Protein backbone atom coordinates (compact mmCIF):
# COMPACT_ATOMS: atom_id res chain seq x y z
CA MET A 1 2.41 -51.39 9.88
CA LYS A 2 -0.53 -49.27 8.81
CA ILE A 3 -0.03 -46.08 6.84
CA GLU A 4 -0.98 -43.28 9.21
CA GLU A 5 -0.45 -40.22 7.06
CA LEU A 6 0.60 -38.88 3.69
CA GLN A 7 2.37 -35.59 4.29
CA ILE A 8 3.67 -33.34 1.55
CA ASP A 9 6.26 -30.76 2.53
CA ILE A 10 6.86 -27.73 0.33
CA VAL A 11 10.56 -26.95 0.73
CA GLU A 12 12.59 -23.98 -0.44
CA LEU A 13 15.56 -24.83 -2.61
CA GLY A 14 16.93 -21.32 -2.56
CA SER A 15 17.42 -18.94 -5.46
CA LEU A 16 18.69 -20.97 -8.42
CA ALA A 17 19.58 -20.00 -11.97
CA PRO A 18 17.48 -21.97 -14.50
CA GLU A 19 19.34 -23.41 -17.47
CA TRP A 20 18.61 -25.96 -20.11
CA ARG A 21 20.11 -27.02 -23.39
CA PRO A 22 17.99 -29.55 -25.29
CA LEU A 23 19.69 -32.83 -26.05
CA ARG A 24 18.32 -33.27 -29.56
CA GLN A 25 16.47 -31.64 -32.43
CA MET A 26 14.70 -33.20 -35.38
CA GLN A 27 16.02 -33.66 -38.89
CA GLU A 28 15.24 -35.59 -42.04
CA TYR A 29 17.03 -38.91 -42.09
CA PRO A 30 20.27 -38.86 -44.13
CA ASP A 31 20.91 -41.25 -47.02
CA SER A 32 17.25 -42.21 -47.42
CA HIS A 33 15.31 -42.44 -50.69
CA ARG A 34 12.18 -41.22 -48.94
CA VAL A 35 11.50 -38.60 -46.32
CA LYS A 36 11.57 -39.89 -42.77
CA PHE A 37 12.64 -38.26 -39.56
CA THR A 38 15.33 -38.81 -36.97
CA HIS A 39 17.20 -36.45 -34.67
CA ARG A 40 20.61 -34.85 -34.24
CA PRO A 41 22.43 -33.13 -31.40
CA PHE A 42 20.87 -29.78 -30.57
CA GLU A 43 22.59 -26.80 -32.17
CA GLY A 44 22.17 -23.64 -30.16
CA GLU A 45 22.72 -22.04 -26.80
CA GLY A 46 19.66 -23.34 -24.98
CA VAL A 47 17.97 -21.14 -22.40
CA THR A 48 19.06 -19.61 -19.13
CA GLY A 49 17.42 -17.32 -16.61
CA PRO A 50 18.27 -15.11 -13.66
CA PRO A 51 18.34 -16.61 -10.16
CA THR A 52 14.76 -17.55 -9.27
CA PRO A 53 13.16 -18.92 -6.08
CA ALA A 54 12.79 -22.69 -6.45
CA TYR A 55 10.72 -25.23 -4.54
CA ALA A 56 10.14 -28.94 -4.23
CA ALA A 57 7.29 -31.06 -2.92
CA ILE A 58 8.51 -33.96 -0.78
CA LEU A 59 6.08 -36.79 -0.17
CA ARG A 60 6.43 -38.45 3.23
CA ILE A 61 4.64 -41.75 3.89
CA GLN A 62 4.38 -42.26 7.65
CA THR A 63 3.31 -45.42 9.47
CA ALA A 64 1.64 -45.85 12.84
CA ASP A 65 4.76 -47.46 14.30
CA GLY A 66 6.91 -44.42 13.60
CA ILE A 67 8.62 -45.38 10.34
CA GLU A 68 8.55 -43.00 7.41
CA SER A 69 10.03 -42.66 3.95
CA PRO A 70 10.39 -39.45 1.90
CA GLY A 71 10.70 -38.90 -1.82
CA VAL A 72 10.66 -35.94 -4.19
CA LEU A 73 7.21 -35.77 -5.73
CA TRP A 74 7.76 -32.68 -7.90
CA SER A 75 9.92 -29.58 -8.13
CA SER A 76 9.03 -26.21 -9.57
CA TRP A 77 9.95 -22.58 -10.06
CA GLY A 78 6.49 -21.59 -8.77
CA ARG A 79 5.33 -22.21 -5.22
CA GLU A 80 1.62 -21.61 -5.85
CA GLN A 81 1.30 -24.26 -8.55
CA LEU A 82 3.30 -26.71 -6.48
CA GLU A 83 1.02 -26.19 -3.50
CA TRP A 84 -2.06 -26.70 -5.66
CA ASP A 85 -0.67 -29.91 -7.15
CA ALA A 86 0.28 -31.18 -3.67
CA ARG A 87 -3.19 -30.51 -2.27
CA THR A 88 -4.94 -32.20 -5.18
CA PHE A 89 -2.58 -35.17 -4.95
CA LYS A 90 -3.23 -35.62 -1.25
CA VAL A 91 -7.01 -35.32 -1.49
CA GLN A 92 -6.94 -37.99 -4.23
CA TRP A 93 -4.52 -40.44 -2.68
CA ALA A 94 -4.81 -40.16 1.11
CA PRO A 95 -8.18 -42.01 1.10
CA GLU A 96 -6.62 -44.80 -0.97
CA LEU A 97 -3.55 -45.31 1.22
CA VAL A 98 -4.15 -44.16 4.79
CA GLY A 99 -5.22 -47.08 6.97
CA VAL A 100 -3.79 -49.69 4.58
CA ASN A 101 -0.95 -51.92 5.77
CA ALA A 102 2.23 -50.57 4.16
CA LEU A 103 3.44 -54.15 3.77
CA ASP A 104 0.51 -54.96 1.48
CA ARG A 105 2.44 -53.71 -1.51
CA GLU A 106 0.79 -56.06 -3.99
CA TYR A 107 -2.66 -54.88 -2.95
CA ILE A 108 -1.62 -51.23 -3.25
CA TRP A 109 0.16 -51.80 -6.56
CA HIS A 110 -2.92 -53.27 -8.22
CA LYS A 111 -5.04 -50.43 -6.88
CA MET A 112 -2.60 -47.91 -8.35
CA TRP A 113 -2.42 -49.82 -11.62
CA MET A 114 -6.16 -49.44 -12.14
CA ALA A 115 -6.10 -45.85 -10.88
CA ARG A 116 -3.87 -44.91 -13.83
CA ARG A 117 -6.95 -45.22 -15.99
CA TYR A 118 -9.72 -44.22 -13.63
CA PHE A 119 -7.95 -41.07 -12.44
CA HIS A 120 -6.79 -40.11 -15.99
CA MET A 121 -3.24 -39.67 -14.74
CA PRO A 122 -0.92 -37.87 -17.19
CA SER A 123 2.12 -39.50 -15.58
CA THR A 124 2.66 -42.65 -13.54
CA ALA A 125 5.83 -41.27 -11.91
CA PRO A 126 4.04 -40.44 -8.62
CA LEU A 127 2.70 -44.00 -8.46
CA ALA A 128 6.17 -45.44 -9.05
CA LEU A 129 7.43 -43.23 -6.22
CA ILE A 130 4.74 -44.49 -3.84
CA ASP A 131 5.69 -48.08 -4.62
CA GLU A 132 9.39 -47.37 -4.06
CA LEU A 133 8.67 -45.69 -0.72
CA LEU A 134 6.62 -48.70 0.39
CA TRP A 135 9.58 -50.95 -0.35
CA ASP A 136 11.80 -48.55 1.60
CA LEU A 137 9.44 -48.79 4.58
CA ALA A 138 9.54 -52.58 4.42
CA GLY A 139 13.33 -52.53 4.32
CA GLN A 140 13.51 -50.22 7.31
CA LYS A 141 11.07 -52.42 9.20
CA SER A 142 13.06 -55.58 8.51
CA GLY A 143 16.50 -54.01 8.72
CA LEU A 144 17.35 -55.29 5.23
CA PRO A 145 18.23 -53.57 1.95
CA VAL A 146 15.45 -53.78 -0.62
CA HIS A 147 17.43 -55.99 -2.99
CA LYS A 148 17.67 -58.61 -0.24
CA LEU A 149 13.91 -58.41 0.38
CA LEU A 150 13.37 -58.94 -3.33
CA GLY A 151 15.38 -62.14 -3.23
CA GLY A 152 19.01 -61.10 -3.42
CA PHE A 153 21.21 -62.29 -6.27
CA ARG A 154 24.37 -60.12 -6.15
CA ASP A 155 25.77 -56.95 -4.68
CA ARG A 156 27.49 -55.56 -7.77
CA ILE A 157 26.66 -55.49 -11.48
CA PRO A 158 29.01 -54.92 -14.45
CA ALA A 159 28.55 -51.38 -15.81
CA TYR A 160 28.77 -49.95 -19.30
CA LEU A 161 29.07 -46.33 -20.32
CA THR A 162 26.28 -45.01 -22.54
CA GLU A 163 26.73 -42.04 -24.86
CA THR A 164 23.96 -39.78 -26.12
CA ALA A 165 23.50 -38.38 -29.62
CA VAL A 166 26.96 -36.97 -30.40
CA SER A 167 29.26 -36.64 -33.38
CA PHE A 168 31.37 -39.43 -34.86
CA ASP A 169 34.58 -38.20 -33.24
CA GLU A 170 32.94 -37.47 -29.87
CA ALA A 171 31.63 -41.04 -29.73
CA LEU A 172 35.17 -42.33 -30.20
CA VAL A 173 36.41 -40.06 -27.42
CA SER A 174 33.73 -41.38 -25.05
CA ALA A 175 34.56 -44.98 -25.97
CA ARG A 176 38.20 -44.37 -25.10
CA ARG A 177 37.10 -42.83 -21.81
CA ALA A 178 34.96 -45.87 -21.07
CA ARG A 179 37.92 -48.14 -21.58
CA GLU A 180 40.29 -45.96 -19.56
CA GLN A 181 37.84 -45.74 -16.65
CA GLY A 182 37.40 -49.50 -16.43
CA PHE A 183 33.86 -49.89 -17.79
CA HIS A 184 33.07 -53.32 -19.15
CA GLY A 185 31.11 -52.02 -22.14
CA PHE A 186 30.12 -49.02 -24.22
CA LYS A 187 26.84 -48.14 -25.96
CA ASP A 188 26.44 -45.56 -28.68
CA HIS A 189 23.27 -43.73 -29.73
CA SER A 190 24.59 -42.88 -33.18
CA ILE A 191 22.09 -41.13 -35.48
CA LEU A 192 24.35 -40.52 -38.46
CA GLY A 193 22.67 -42.75 -41.05
CA VAL A 194 23.15 -46.40 -41.98
CA LYS A 195 26.48 -46.07 -43.77
CA THR A 196 28.09 -43.80 -41.18
CA ASN A 197 26.70 -45.79 -38.24
CA ILE A 198 28.37 -48.90 -39.65
CA GLU A 199 31.64 -47.02 -40.10
CA LEU A 200 31.42 -45.79 -36.51
CA ALA A 201 30.76 -49.32 -35.25
CA ARG A 202 33.96 -50.50 -36.91
CA GLU A 203 35.96 -47.62 -35.45
CA LEU A 204 34.50 -48.23 -31.99
CA ARG A 205 35.59 -51.86 -32.09
CA THR A 206 39.10 -50.76 -33.05
CA VAL A 207 39.19 -48.22 -30.22
CA VAL A 208 38.01 -50.50 -27.41
CA GLY A 209 39.58 -53.76 -28.60
CA ASP A 210 38.12 -57.25 -28.77
CA ASP A 211 37.53 -57.81 -25.05
CA MET A 212 35.06 -54.96 -24.41
CA VAL A 213 31.32 -55.29 -24.96
CA LEU A 214 29.65 -52.94 -27.46
CA MET A 215 25.97 -52.12 -27.94
CA HIS A 216 24.20 -49.94 -30.54
CA ASP A 217 21.04 -47.93 -29.84
CA PRO A 218 19.80 -46.11 -32.98
CA VAL A 219 16.66 -44.84 -31.17
CA GLN A 220 14.07 -46.22 -33.59
CA GLN A 221 15.64 -44.71 -36.72
CA TYR A 222 15.77 -47.73 -39.06
CA THR A 223 13.43 -49.54 -41.38
CA VAL A 224 13.45 -53.32 -41.07
CA ASP A 225 15.76 -53.72 -44.08
CA GLU A 226 18.13 -51.05 -42.75
CA ALA A 227 18.19 -52.64 -39.31
CA ILE A 228 19.00 -56.02 -40.86
CA ARG A 229 21.83 -54.47 -42.87
CA VAL A 230 23.29 -52.74 -39.81
CA GLY A 231 22.68 -55.74 -37.58
CA ARG A 232 24.61 -58.09 -39.83
CA GLU A 233 27.60 -55.78 -39.73
CA LEU A 234 27.34 -55.54 -35.96
CA GLU A 235 27.36 -59.34 -35.77
CA LYS A 236 30.71 -59.38 -37.58
CA LEU A 237 32.01 -56.93 -34.97
CA ASP A 238 30.74 -59.08 -32.07
CA TYR A 239 28.25 -56.50 -30.75
CA LEU A 240 26.04 -57.67 -27.90
CA TRP A 241 22.74 -56.10 -28.98
CA ILE A 242 20.92 -53.58 -31.12
CA GLU A 243 18.46 -51.52 -29.07
CA GLU A 244 15.27 -49.80 -30.25
CA PRO A 245 16.08 -50.35 -33.93
CA LEU A 246 12.47 -49.80 -35.08
CA GLN A 247 9.43 -47.96 -33.85
CA GLU A 248 8.38 -50.25 -31.03
CA SER A 249 4.73 -50.44 -32.09
CA ASP A 250 5.99 -52.42 -35.10
CA LEU A 251 5.63 -55.87 -33.58
CA HIS A 252 5.69 -57.55 -37.02
CA GLY A 253 8.85 -55.66 -38.02
CA LEU A 254 10.64 -56.56 -34.80
CA LYS A 255 9.72 -60.19 -35.39
CA ARG A 256 11.16 -60.09 -38.92
CA LEU A 257 14.32 -58.47 -37.59
CA SER A 258 14.80 -60.90 -34.73
CA ASP A 259 14.30 -63.84 -37.09
CA ALA A 260 16.90 -62.44 -39.51
CA LEU A 261 19.65 -61.77 -36.96
CA ASP A 262 21.65 -63.73 -34.44
CA LEU A 263 22.38 -60.37 -32.78
CA HIS A 264 20.06 -59.74 -29.83
CA VAL A 265 17.27 -57.24 -30.41
CA LEU A 266 16.35 -55.16 -27.33
CA ALA A 267 13.13 -53.14 -27.27
CA LEU A 268 10.06 -51.86 -25.38
CA GLU A 269 11.58 -48.78 -23.76
CA SER A 270 8.86 -46.54 -25.18
CA VAL A 271 5.90 -48.96 -24.98
CA GLN A 272 4.11 -48.34 -21.71
CA GLY A 273 1.92 -50.86 -19.89
CA ALA A 274 4.56 -53.34 -18.76
CA PRO A 275 4.44 -56.05 -17.70
CA TYR A 276 1.13 -56.75 -19.43
CA LEU A 277 1.83 -55.26 -22.88
CA ALA A 278 5.16 -57.08 -23.04
CA VAL A 279 3.52 -60.51 -23.17
CA GLU A 280 2.78 -60.56 -26.89
CA TYR A 281 6.28 -59.38 -27.82
CA LEU A 282 7.76 -62.20 -25.74
CA ARG A 283 5.26 -64.82 -26.86
CA SER A 284 5.88 -64.10 -30.54
CA GLY A 285 9.66 -63.99 -30.20
CA ALA A 286 9.77 -60.45 -31.55
CA ILE A 287 12.53 -59.38 -29.15
CA ASP A 288 15.46 -61.05 -27.42
CA ILE A 289 15.82 -58.65 -24.48
CA VAL A 290 13.04 -56.56 -22.93
CA ARG A 291 13.70 -53.03 -21.73
CA GLN A 292 12.55 -52.44 -18.16
CA THR A 293 9.48 -50.15 -17.96
CA GLY A 294 7.53 -51.75 -15.11
CA LEU A 295 5.57 -49.49 -12.74
CA GLY A 296 7.65 -49.09 -9.59
CA ILE A 297 9.82 -51.77 -8.04
CA THR A 298 6.85 -54.15 -7.84
CA GLY A 299 6.08 -53.77 -11.54
CA GLN A 300 9.73 -54.12 -12.48
CA MET A 301 9.99 -57.41 -10.64
CA LYS A 302 6.88 -58.64 -12.44
CA LEU A 303 8.39 -57.82 -15.83
CA ALA A 304 11.79 -59.30 -14.96
CA ASN A 305 10.20 -62.53 -13.77
CA LEU A 306 7.99 -62.67 -16.87
CA ALA A 307 11.04 -62.29 -19.11
CA GLU A 308 12.87 -65.01 -17.18
CA MET A 309 10.01 -67.43 -17.82
CA PHE A 310 10.56 -66.81 -21.54
CA GLY A 311 14.28 -67.41 -21.11
CA ILE A 312 15.38 -63.87 -21.91
CA ASN A 313 16.96 -60.93 -20.11
CA CYS A 314 15.21 -57.80 -18.83
CA HIS A 315 17.49 -54.77 -18.88
CA GLY A 316 17.32 -51.59 -16.80
CA GLY A 317 15.32 -50.35 -13.84
CA ASN A 318 15.87 -49.66 -10.17
CA PRO A 319 19.34 -50.71 -8.94
CA HIS A 320 17.76 -52.87 -6.22
CA VAL A 321 15.77 -54.75 -8.86
CA VAL A 322 18.83 -55.26 -11.05
CA ALA A 323 20.73 -56.62 -8.04
CA ALA A 324 17.89 -58.95 -7.07
CA ILE A 325 17.37 -60.75 -10.39
CA ARG A 326 19.44 -63.18 -12.44
CA ASN A 327 18.43 -62.05 -15.92
CA ASP A 328 20.01 -58.62 -16.21
CA ASP A 329 23.71 -58.62 -16.92
CA TRP A 330 24.41 -54.89 -17.06
CA TRP A 331 24.09 -51.53 -15.41
CA GLU A 332 23.80 -48.53 -17.75
CA HIS A 333 25.84 -45.51 -16.65
CA PRO A 334 25.44 -42.19 -18.51
CA ALA A 335 28.49 -40.53 -19.98
CA TRP A 336 27.17 -37.11 -18.98
CA PRO A 337 24.65 -35.69 -16.48
CA ALA A 338 21.05 -35.95 -17.64
CA THR A 339 19.64 -32.98 -19.49
CA ALA A 340 16.14 -31.75 -18.67
CA PRO A 341 14.38 -28.42 -18.07
CA ASP A 342 14.37 -29.18 -14.34
CA ARG A 343 17.96 -30.41 -14.09
CA VAL A 344 18.95 -27.56 -11.74
CA LEU A 345 16.04 -28.41 -9.46
CA THR A 346 16.91 -32.11 -9.52
CA ALA A 347 20.49 -31.37 -8.52
CA ALA A 348 19.28 -29.27 -5.59
CA THR A 349 16.86 -31.89 -4.25
CA SER A 350 19.50 -34.61 -4.55
CA GLU A 351 21.40 -32.90 -1.75
CA MET A 352 18.52 -33.69 0.63
CA ILE A 353 17.70 -37.22 -0.55
CA ARG A 354 20.77 -38.88 -1.99
CA ASN A 355 20.90 -42.28 -3.65
CA THR A 356 23.97 -44.24 -2.60
CA HIS A 357 24.36 -46.83 -5.34
CA HIS A 358 27.54 -45.97 -7.21
CA VAL A 359 29.80 -47.05 -10.05
CA GLU A 360 33.41 -47.90 -9.27
CA ASN A 361 36.04 -49.88 -11.20
CA GLY A 362 33.53 -50.94 -13.82
CA PHE A 363 30.80 -52.16 -11.46
CA MET A 364 27.64 -50.67 -9.97
CA TYR A 365 27.43 -51.37 -6.25
CA VAL A 366 24.07 -51.43 -4.47
CA PRO A 367 23.75 -50.09 -0.92
CA GLN A 368 23.77 -52.59 1.94
CA THR A 369 21.91 -50.44 4.44
CA PRO A 370 18.19 -50.95 5.24
CA GLY A 371 15.53 -50.00 2.73
CA LEU A 372 16.60 -48.15 -0.40
CA GLY A 373 19.82 -47.23 1.36
CA ARG A 374 19.47 -43.53 0.70
CA GLU A 375 21.02 -40.76 2.79
CA ILE A 376 18.27 -38.44 4.05
CA ASP A 377 19.21 -34.99 5.34
CA TRP A 378 16.23 -34.53 7.64
CA ASP A 379 17.69 -31.39 9.18
CA GLN A 380 17.86 -29.69 5.82
CA ILE A 381 14.36 -30.85 4.84
CA ASN A 382 12.88 -29.59 8.10
CA GLU A 383 14.77 -26.28 7.96
CA ARG A 384 13.69 -25.62 4.39
CA THR A 385 10.02 -26.61 4.80
CA VAL A 386 7.73 -23.62 4.38
CA LEU A 387 4.44 -25.52 4.36
CA SER A 388 3.27 -29.02 5.32
CA ILE A 389 0.15 -30.33 3.63
């Protein structure tokens, strides 16, 4: 199943109104004897603009036996820049992929892994997309969903609702909503200081009751001593984990914290280079759960399997990966739509390429159709294409 062509279609998304409200802004940390920095919910109106022509670049990997898989490479408010980026991407990557067997994913993954450095890539997102599309091609070829190709462990995963940086009272409202909607857990991202975070944790336990799982993600705001203090209170409240308690480069601090607590410490969301850079954290026992940051589906499976060999869980990642492994107990579901400068563009492209995993009655269900199980509106893609590269 040789790769015959990389094609990039520039598609019109119509005239859309840009809008963005940042999620967070910086502030000095409250209740601290020395100056350090954390964040708080953004205060302001954000930015909006008049309706503007919008575009997306859709990468299509096509094989000699007539199978292809599309994915959104980029989106933009400017067609010219998007065309330039698409042309430079194709001239760089077509020689590396065309003529290679699409089923040789391991070979291609290692080539892309080294290309991160040799090509000075500012983002690995396009490489992760290529890997995902290769898995989709393999699933289409075999007639199986990707999670079955990966091994197959389950078809649904318990889901928890995750809240972003919000006020004390808003966090309680979201926790009630999580319980009412049947989620099996709730995670806060409270950034209100040690004392107030502990008070919120107690209130959250009261709101959701004893039978619902709670997690706390302070987004790297604590010192080791503060994290120990908070962690010990969370243990009394039967929390499941504390996530990103310290700056994740602080391997020694994470080790001290993990040794001091029975509560699980989850980290490595912001440390790139998985699975390879995760080894020392696992070997030293600095963390109890590793956050999934592997490159593409192939890299995520490598990290999940590595974590399993150390007897710990690996949390997050592609829904097909989560469904295919034994050592991830949860699916994280956002309380609100993601915020980003390109959120309007993302919403528009999702109408053409739609993921079909979904959360219902407290579980995330993975698609059972071949490949990634996405719904592709080829008619819309073809009608909206203004240039094929």
